[in-house]
C-alpha cells in the first residue's frame, strides 16, 4: 500500500511541485493550503507522514506540531522553512517535528528525508498491535479477540487503535476527543462514553475480561 503524505504549504506553486513529484514516486498525496486545513486533514485522513511549512496562514506549523503531539499522534513531521538558525531548528524539534528541511531545498534531499522518516516509522509502528488476547491489524483493519473476528465501524476501530497504541496509559477525554474526533468536534459531549460502550459490548460479547477501564473523572485506559 502506498504511503499517504500530507503536504501543508501555502505557496501554491511549491505545493503543486511537491505534490507532482511525490505522486511520481508512487505516494498518495493530500495538499492543504493553510494551517486550519492542514490540522483538519491530519486529524481526518491519518497520513503516514506530514510535510509541514513553518509559516502558515491561520495556525502555524509549530502550533500544528504541538497539537498533534499533545494527543499522542506520532505521525512523522518534516518541517519546511526558510529559518536556518540553530535556535530555530531547536524550536522546531522541541515542538515535535521529527526532521527539518531549509528552503530552498533539492528534490533529492526532500525525497531522501521522506524515505528515511517513513522507514523509521514502519519499524516503530508495526502493522499489527497486540494486547492481551486482542490483535489489531492496521492494514486490513481487522480486530480479533483470541480467534474471534470482531466487526468494528471506522470510528470504533480508530478509538481502539488509539487505546492499543498507548497500553496502560491513562488517556484523558480531551486527548481522546481531539485524536479520534478532531480538535474542533462540536457534537454530543458524551460521544466517547457511547463509543466505549459499543466497544465493550463487542469485545466482551462472549464474556471475556474487560480491558477498557474507566478512570472516573479523567478518561480511559487499556489494561489487564
C-alpha atoms as a PDB file:
ATOM      1  CA  UNK A   1       0.000   0.000   0.000  1.00  0.00           C
ATOM      2  CA  UNK A   2       1.381   3.418  -0.992  1.00  0.00           C
ATOM      3  CA  UNK A   3       2.263   5.720   1.874  1.00  0.00           C
ATOM      4  CA  UNK A   4      -0.072   8.698   2.288  1.00  0.00           C
ATOM      5  CA  UNK A   5       1.695  12.049   2.614  1.00  0.00           C
ATOM      6  CA  UNK A   6       0.007  15.268   3.709  1.00  0.00           C
ATOM      7  CA  UNK A   7       1.606  18.443   2.333  1.00  0.00           C
ATOM      8  CA  UNK A   8       0.689  21.596   4.268  1.00  0.00           C
ATOM      9  CA  UNK A   9       2.080  24.501   2.258  1.00  0.00           C
ATOM     10  CA  UNK A  10       0.569  27.897   1.411  1.00  0.00           C
ATOM     11  CA  UNK A  11       2.872  28.609  -1.557  1.00  0.00           C
ATOM     12  CA  UNK A  12       0.702  27.166  -4.322  1.00  0.00           C
ATOM     13  CA  UNK A  13       3.469  26.593  -6.876  1.00  0.00           C
ATOM     14  CA  UNK A  14       5.746  24.872  -4.356  1.00  0.00           C
ATOM     15  CA  UNK A  15       2.878  22.752  -3.068  1.00  0.00           C
ATOM     16  CA  UNK A  16       1.986  21.674  -6.606  1.00  0.00           C
ATOM     17  CA  UNK A  17       5.621  20.851  -7.407  1.00  0.00           C
ATOM     18  CA  UNK A  18       5.991  18.707  -4.270  1.00  0.00           C
ATOM     19  CA  UNK A  19       2.658  17.003  -4.913  1.00  0.00           C
ATOM     20  CA  UNK A  20       3.570  16.067  -8.504  1.00  0.00           C
ATOM     21  CA  UNK A  21       6.999  14.745  -7.546  1.00  0.00           C
ATOM     22  CA  UNK A  22       5.667  12.683  -4.652  1.00  0.00           C
ATOM     23  CA  UNK A  23       2.935  11.197  -6.827  1.00  0.00           C
ATOM     24  CA  UNK A  24       5.563  10.360  -9.444  1.00  0.00           C
ATOM     25  CA  UNK A  25       7.410   8.435  -6.723  1.00  0.00           C
ATOM     26  CA  UNK A  26       4.252   6.442  -6.053  1.00  0.00           C
ATOM     27  CA  UNK A  27       2.960   8.153  -2.915  1.00  0.00           C
ATOM     28  CA  UNK A  28      -0.652   9.137  -2.252  1.00  0.00           C
ATOM     29  CA  UNK A  29      -0.745  12.896  -1.597  1.00  0.00           C
ATOM     30  CA  UNK A  30      -3.146  15.323   0.056  1.00  0.00           C
ATOM     31  CA  UNK A  31      -2.440  19.066  -0.068  1.00  0.00           C
ATOM     32  CA  UNK A  32      -3.689  21.622   2.474  1.00  0.00           C
ATOM     33  CA  UNK A  33      -3.168  25.375   1.797  1.00  0.00           C
ATOM     34  CA  UNK A  34      -3.259  26.689   5.373  1.00  0.00           C
ATOM     35  CA  UNK A  35      -2.872  25.696   8.998  1.00  0.00           C
ATOM     36  CA  UNK A  36      -6.511  25.011   9.805  1.00  0.00           C
ATOM     37  CA  UNK A  37      -6.996  22.860   6.706  1.00  0.00           C
ATOM     38  CA  UNK A  38      -3.736  21.068   7.481  1.00  0.00           C
ATOM     39  CA  UNK A  39      -4.671  20.250  11.064  1.00  0.00           C
ATOM     40  CA  UNK A  40      -8.117  19.070   9.968  1.00  0.00           C
ATOM     41  CA  UNK A  41      -6.603  16.857   7.256  1.00  0.00           C
ATOM     42  CA  UNK A  42      -4.102  15.402   9.719  1.00  0.00           C
ATOM     43  CA  UNK A  43      -6.950  14.520  12.082  1.00  0.00           C
ATOM     44  CA  UNK A  44      -9.306  13.097   9.487  1.00  0.00           C
ATOM     45  CA  UNK A  45      -7.060  11.369   6.938  1.00  0.00           C
ATOM     46  CA  UNK A  46      -4.384   9.979   9.302  1.00  0.00           C
ATOM     47  CA  UNK A  47      -1.432  10.390   6.901  1.00  0.00           C
ATOM     48  CA  UNK A  48       1.748   8.330   7.153  1.00  0.00           C
ATOM     49  CA  UNK A  49       3.904  11.489   7.033  1.00  0.00           C
ATOM     50  CA  UNK A  50       3.382  15.262   7.036  1.00  0.00           C
ATOM     51  CA  UNK A  51       5.458  17.825   5.131  1.00  0.00           C
ATOM     52  CA  UNK A  52       4.666  20.975   7.076  1.00  0.00           C
ATOM     53  CA  UNK A  53       5.523  24.577   6.294  1.00  0.00           C
ATOM     54  CA  UNK A  54       6.542  26.559   9.372  1.00  0.00           C
ATOM     55  CA  UNK A  55       4.859  29.845   8.415  1.00  0.00           C
ATOM     56  CA  UNK A  56       1.206  29.266   7.541  1.00  0.00           C
ATOM     57  CA  UNK A  57      -1.955  31.385   7.475  1.00  0.00           C
ATOM     58  CA  UNK A  58      -4.201  30.754  10.464  1.00  0.00           C
ATOM     59  CA  UNK A  59      -2.382  28.163  12.554  1.00  0.00           C
ATOM     60  CA  UNK A  60       1.410  27.973  12.335  1.00  0.00           C
ATOM     61  CA  UNK A  61       3.312  24.801  11.580  1.00  0.00           C
ATOM     62  CA  UNK A  62       4.743  24.854  15.107  1.00  0.00           C
ATOM     63  CA  UNK A  63       1.270  25.006  16.628  1.00  0.00           C
ATOM     64  CA  UNK A  64       0.124  22.086  14.455  1.00  0.00           C
ATOM     65  CA  UNK A  65       3.108  20.053  15.689  1.00  0.00           C
ATOM     66  CA  UNK A  66       2.278  20.818  19.307  1.00  0.00           C
ATOM     67  CA  UNK A  67      -1.411  19.973  18.974  1.00  0.00           C
ATOM     68  CA  UNK A  68      -0.738  16.658  17.255  1.00  0.00           C
ATOM     69  CA  UNK A  69       1.860  15.626  19.818  1.00  0.00           C
ATOM     70  CA  UNK A  70      -0.348  16.632  22.741  1.00  0.00           C
ATOM     71  CA  UNK A  71      -2.854  13.977  21.678  1.00  0.00           C
ATOM     72  CA  UNK A  72      -0.209  11.286  21.241  1.00  0.00           C
ATOM     73  CA  UNK A  73      -0.148  11.401  17.444  1.00  0.00           C
ATOM     74  CA  UNK A  74       3.257  10.061  16.385  1.00  0.00           C
ATOM     75  CA  UNK A  75       2.981  10.720  12.648  1.00  0.00           C
ATOM     76  CA  UNK A  76       6.419  11.791  11.364  1.00  0.00           C
ATOM     77  CA  UNK A  77       6.554  15.523  10.635  1.00  0.00           C
ATOM     78  CA  UNK A  78       9.136  17.205   8.424  1.00  0.00           C
ATOM     79  CA  UNK A  79       9.200  20.998   8.797  1.00  0.00           C
ATOM     80  CA  UNK A  80       9.792  23.064   5.669  1.00  0.00           C
ATOM     81  CA  UNK A  81      11.123  26.514   6.484  1.00  0.00           C
ATOM     82  CA  UNK A  82      13.345  29.385   5.417  1.00  0.00           C
ATOM     83  CA  UNK A  83      14.573  29.718   9.015  1.00  0.00           C
ATOM     84  CA  UNK A  84      18.112  28.369   9.261  1.00  0.00           C
ATOM     85  CA  UNK A  85      19.375  29.420  12.696  1.00  0.00           C
ATOM     86  CA  UNK A  86      20.295  26.685  15.189  1.00  0.00           C
ATOM     87  CA  UNK A  87      17.790  28.162  17.643  1.00  0.00           C
ATOM     88  CA  UNK A  88      15.046  27.836  15.014  1.00  0.00           C
ATOM     89  CA  UNK A  89      15.884  24.172  14.429  1.00  0.00           C
ATOM     90  CA  UNK A  90      15.816  23.522  18.169  1.00  0.00           C
ATOM     91  CA  UNK A  91      12.441  25.282  18.459  1.00  0.00           C
ATOM     92  CA  UNK A  92      11.009  23.167  15.640  1.00  0.00           C
ATOM     93  CA  UNK A  93      12.279  19.901  17.054  1.00  0.00           C
ATOM     94  CA  UNK A  94      11.120  20.796  20.560  1.00  0.00           C
ATOM     95  CA  UNK A  95       7.636  21.451  19.160  1.00  0.00           C
ATOM     96  CA  UNK A  96       7.504  17.843  17.994  1.00  0.00           C
ATOM     97  CA  UNK A  97       8.921  17.859  14.475  1.00  0.00           C
ATOM     98  CA  UNK A  98      10.987  14.811  13.508  1.00  0.00           C
ATOM     99  CA  UNK A  99      13.032  16.456  10.783  1.00  0.00           C
ATOM    100  CA  UNK A 100      13.809  19.826   9.264  1.00  0.00           C
ATOM    101  CA  UNK A 101      14.499  20.991   5.697  1.00  0.00           C
ATOM    102  CA  UNK A 102      15.584  24.538   4.894  1.00  0.00           C
ATOM    103  CA  UNK A 103      14.181  26.274   1.819  1.00  0.00           C
ATOM    104  CA  UNK A 104      15.269  26.259  -0.916  1.00  0.00           C
ATOM    105  CA  UNK A 105      15.947  22.518  -0.873  1.00  0.00           C
ATOM    106  CA  UNK A 106      16.775  19.959  -3.522  1.00  0.00           C
ATOM    107  CA  UNK A 107      14.196  17.423  -4.594  1.00  0.00           C
ATOM    108  CA  UNK A 108      16.682  14.615  -3.914  1.00  0.00           C
ATOM    109  CA  UNK A 109      17.137  15.725  -0.307  1.00  0.00           C
ATOM    110  CA  UNK A 110      13.385  16.011   0.242  1.00  0.00           C
ATOM    111  CA  UNK A 111      12.722  12.510  -1.122  1.00  0.00           C
ATOM    112  CA  UNK A 112      15.584  11.053   0.926  1.00  0.00           C
ATOM    113  CA  UNK A 113      14.199  12.606   4.126  1.00  0.00           C
ATOM    114  CA  UNK A 114      10.725  11.288   3.293  1.00  0.00           C
ATOM    115  CA  UNK A 115      12.037   7.756   2.740  1.00  0.00           C
ATOM    116  CA  UNK A 116      14.123   7.819   5.918  1.00  0.00           C
ATOM    117  CA  UNK A 117      11.262   9.004   8.122  1.00  0.00           C
ATOM    118  CA  UNK A 118       8.770   6.545   6.636  1.00  0.00           C
ATOM    119  CA  UNK A 119      11.256   3.714   7.121  1.00  0.00           C
ATOM    120  CA  UNK A 120      11.756   4.649  10.774  1.00  0.00           C
ATOM    121  CA  UNK A 121       8.021   4.823  11.364  1.00  0.00           C
ATOM    122  CA  UNK A 122       7.407   1.440   9.780  1.00  0.00           C
ATOM    123  CA  UNK A 123       9.986  -0.052  12.137  1.00  0.00           C
ATOM    124  CA  UNK A 124       8.451   1.635  15.198  1.00  0.00           C
ATOM    125  CA  UNK A 125       4.775   1.113  14.296  1.00  0.00           C
ATOM    126  CA  UNK A 126       4.205  -2.436  13.091  1.00  0.00           C
ATOM    127  CA  UNK A 127       1.078  -3.256  11.105  1.00  0.00           C
ATOM    128  CA  UNK A 128      -0.193  -5.411  13.929  1.00  0.00           C
ATOM    129  CA  UNK A 129      -0.731  -4.332  17.551  1.00  0.00           C
ATOM    130  CA  UNK A 130      -1.155  -6.915  20.309  1.00  0.00           C
ATOM    131  CA  UNK A 131      -2.522  -6.504  23.819  1.00  0.00           C
ATOM    132  CA  UNK A 132      -3.560  -9.433  25.982  1.00  0.00           C
ATOM    133  CA  UNK A 133      -5.717 -11.539  23.610  1.00  0.00           C
ATOM    134  CA  UNK A 134      -6.566  -8.538  21.394  1.00  0.00           C
ATOM    135  CA  UNK A 135      -4.999  -8.283  17.943  1.00  0.00           C
ATOM    136  CA  UNK A 136      -5.461  -5.267  15.653  1.00  0.00           C
ATOM    137  CA  UNK A 137      -4.128  -5.071  12.093  1.00  0.00           C
ATOM    138  CA  UNK A 138      -3.740  -1.543  10.750  1.00  0.00           C
ATOM    139  CA  UNK A 139      -3.546  -2.610   7.098  1.00  0.00           C
ATOM    140  CA  UNK A 140      -6.503  -4.985   6.949  1.00  0.00           C
ATOM    141  CA  UNK A 141      -8.380  -3.091   9.689  1.00  0.00           C
ATOM    142  CA  UNK A 142      -9.269  -6.418  11.275  1.00  0.00           C
ATOM    143  CA  UNK A 143      -9.584  -6.943  15.023  1.00  0.00           C
ATOM    144  CA  UNK A 144      -9.524 -10.301  16.775  1.00  0.00           C
ATOM    145  CA  UNK A 145     -10.199 -11.247  20.377  1.00  0.00           C
ATOM    146  CA  UNK A 146      -8.361 -14.583  20.622  1.00  0.00           C
ATOM    147  CA  UNK A 147      -9.591 -16.239  17.409  1.00  0.00           C
ATOM    148  CA  UNK A 148     -12.877 -14.333  17.199  1.00  0.00           C
ATOM    149  CA  UNK A 149     -13.140 -11.713  14.454  1.00  0.00           C
ATOM    150  CA  UNK A 150     -14.788  -8.518  15.724  1.00  0.00           C
ATOM    151  CA  UNK A 151     -16.604  -6.275  13.261  1.00  0.00           C
ATOM    152  CA  UNK A 152     -15.985  -2.605  14.067  1.00  0.00           C
ATOM    153  CA  UNK A 153     -17.129   0.631  12.488  1.00  0.00           C
ATOM    154  CA  UNK A 154     -14.439   3.062  11.280  1.00  0.00           C
ATOM    155  CA  UNK A 155     -14.707   5.223  14.411  1.00  0.00           C
ATOM    156  CA  UNK A 156     -14.742   2.227  16.763  1.00  0.00           C
ATOM    157  CA  UNK A 157     -11.579   0.979  15.066  1.00  0.00           C
ATOM    158  CA  UNK A 158      -9.851   4.378  15.443  1.00  0.00           C
ATOM    159  CA  UNK A 159     -10.750   4.565  19.124  1.00  0.00           C
ATOM    160  CA  UNK A 160      -9.493   1.040  19.822  1.00  0.00           C
ATOM    161  CA  UNK A 161      -6.319   1.658  17.805  1.00  0.00           C
ATOM    162  CA  UNK A 162      -5.601   4.782  19.873  1.00  0.00           C
ATOM    163  CA  UNK A 163      -6.108   2.905  23.127  1.00  0.00           C
ATOM    164  CA  UNK A 164      -4.000  -0.050  21.968  1.00  0.00           C
ATOM    165  CA  UNK A 165      -1.223   2.283  20.808  1.00  0.00           C
ATOM    166  CA  UNK A 166      -0.969   3.589  24.397  1.00  0.00           C
ATOM    167  CA  UNK A 167      -1.412   0.487  26.575  1.00  0.00           C
ATOM    168  CA  UNK A 168      -1.655   1.050  30.344  1.00  0.00           C
ATOM    169  CA  UNK A 169      -1.533   4.821  29.753  1.00  0.00           C
ATOM    170  CA  UNK A 170      -4.443   6.856  31.077  1.00  0.00           C
ATOM    171  CA  UNK A 171      -5.863   8.912  28.207  1.00  0.00           C
ATOM    172  CA  UNK A 172      -7.998  11.914  29.113  1.00  0.00           C
ATOM    173  CA  UNK A 173     -11.331  12.593  27.477  1.00  0.00           C
ATOM    174  CA  UNK A 174      -9.831  15.681  25.813  1.00  0.00           C
ATOM    175  CA  UNK A 175      -6.954  13.660  24.361  1.00  0.00           C
ATOM    176  CA  UNK A 176      -9.315  11.022  23.002  1.00  0.00           C
ATOM    177  CA  UNK A 177     -11.774  13.565  21.643  1.00  0.00           C
ATOM    178  CA  UNK A 178      -9.046  15.511  19.867  1.00  0.00           C
ATOM    179  CA  UNK A 179      -7.240  12.464  18.472  1.00  0.00           C
ATOM    180  CA  UNK A 180     -10.233  10.435  17.322  1.00  0.00           C
ATOM    181  CA  UNK A 181     -12.890  13.044  16.558  1.00  0.00           C
ATOM    182  CA  UNK A 182     -10.835  16.142  15.809  1.00  0.00           C
ATOM    183  CA  UNK A 183      -9.929  19.209  17.833  1.00  0.00           C
ATOM    184  CA  UNK A 184     -12.967  21.174  16.591  1.00  0.00           C
ATOM    185  CA  UNK A 185     -15.567  18.474  17.247  1.00  0.00           C
ATOM    186  CA  UNK A 186     -18.870  20.137  18.178  1.00  0.00           C
ATOM    187  CA  UNK A 187     -21.108  17.075  18.583  1.00  0.00           C
ATOM    188  CA  UNK A 188     -22.505  15.230  21.596  1.00  0.00           C
ATOM    189  CA  UNK A 189     -20.233  15.651  24.611  1.00  0.00           C
ATOM    190  CA  UNK A 190     -20.983  12.044  25.612  1.00  0.00           C
ATOM    191  CA  UNK A 191     -19.718  10.618  22.318  1.00  0.00           C
ATOM    192  CA  UNK A 192     -16.678   8.955  23.941  1.00  0.00           C
ATOM    193  CA  UNK A 193     -18.799   7.161  26.534  1.00  0.00           C
ATOM    194  CA  UNK A 194     -21.148   5.961  23.792  1.00  0.00           C
ATOM    195  CA  UNK A 195     -18.332   4.502  21.701  1.00  0.00           C
ATOM    196  CA  UNK A 196     -16.569   2.943  24.672  1.00  0.00           C
ATOM    197  CA  UNK A 197     -19.843   1.193  25.455  1.00  0.00           C
ATOM    198  CA  UNK A 198     -20.092  -0.028  21.834  1.00  0.00           C
ATOM    199  CA  UNK A 199     -16.532  -1.368  22.008  1.00  0.00           C
ATOM    200  CA  UNK A 200     -17.075  -3.099  25.328  1.00  0.00           C
ATOM    201  CA  UNK A 201     -20.208  -4.832  24.053  1.00  0.00           C
ATOM    202  CA  UNK A 202     -18.294  -6.200  21.080  1.00  0.00           C
ATOM    203  CA  UNK A 203     -15.055  -7.048  22.883  1.00  0.00           C
ATOM    204  CA  UNK A 204     -16.864  -8.756  25.775  1.00  0.00           C
ATOM    205  CA  UNK A 205     -19.591 -10.433  23.719  1.00  0.00           C
ATOM    206  CA  UNK A 206     -18.573 -13.921  24.888  1.00  0.00           C
ATOM    207  CA  UNK A 207     -17.997 -12.924  28.496  1.00  0.00           C
ATOM    208  CA  UNK A 208     -14.343 -12.016  28.028  1.00  0.00           C
ATOM    209  CA  UNK A 209     -12.468  -9.987  30.624  1.00  0.00           C
ATOM    210  CA  UNK A 210     -12.890  -6.198  30.446  1.00  0.00           C
ATOM    211  CA  UNK A 211      -9.790  -4.451  29.067  1.00  0.00           C
ATOM    212  CA  UNK A 212     -11.043  -0.876  28.602  1.00  0.00           C
ATOM    213  CA  UNK A 213     -11.139   0.571  32.110  1.00  0.00           C
ATOM    214  CA  UNK A 214     -12.798   3.827  33.179  1.00  0.00           C
ATOM    215  CA  UNK A 215     -10.751   6.278  35.246  1.00  0.00           C
ATOM    216  CA  UNK A 216     -13.547   8.265  36.822  1.00  0.00           C
ATOM    217  CA  UNK A 217     -13.313  11.989  36.216  1.00  0.00           C
ATOM    218  CA  UNK A 218     -10.300  11.582  33.904  1.00  0.00           C
ATOM    219  CA  UNK A 219     -10.724   9.228  30.974  1.00  0.00           C
ATOM    220  CA  UNK A 220      -9.919   5.656  29.965  1.00  0.00           C
ATOM    221  CA  UNK A 221      -7.038   3.198  29.991  1.00  0.00           C
ATOM    222  CA  UNK A 222      -6.409  -0.149  28.304  1.00  0.00           C
ATOM    223  CA  UNK A 223      -5.017  -2.552  30.888  1.00  0.00           C
ATOM    224  CA  UNK A 224      -5.309  -6.103  32.185  1.00  0.00           C
END
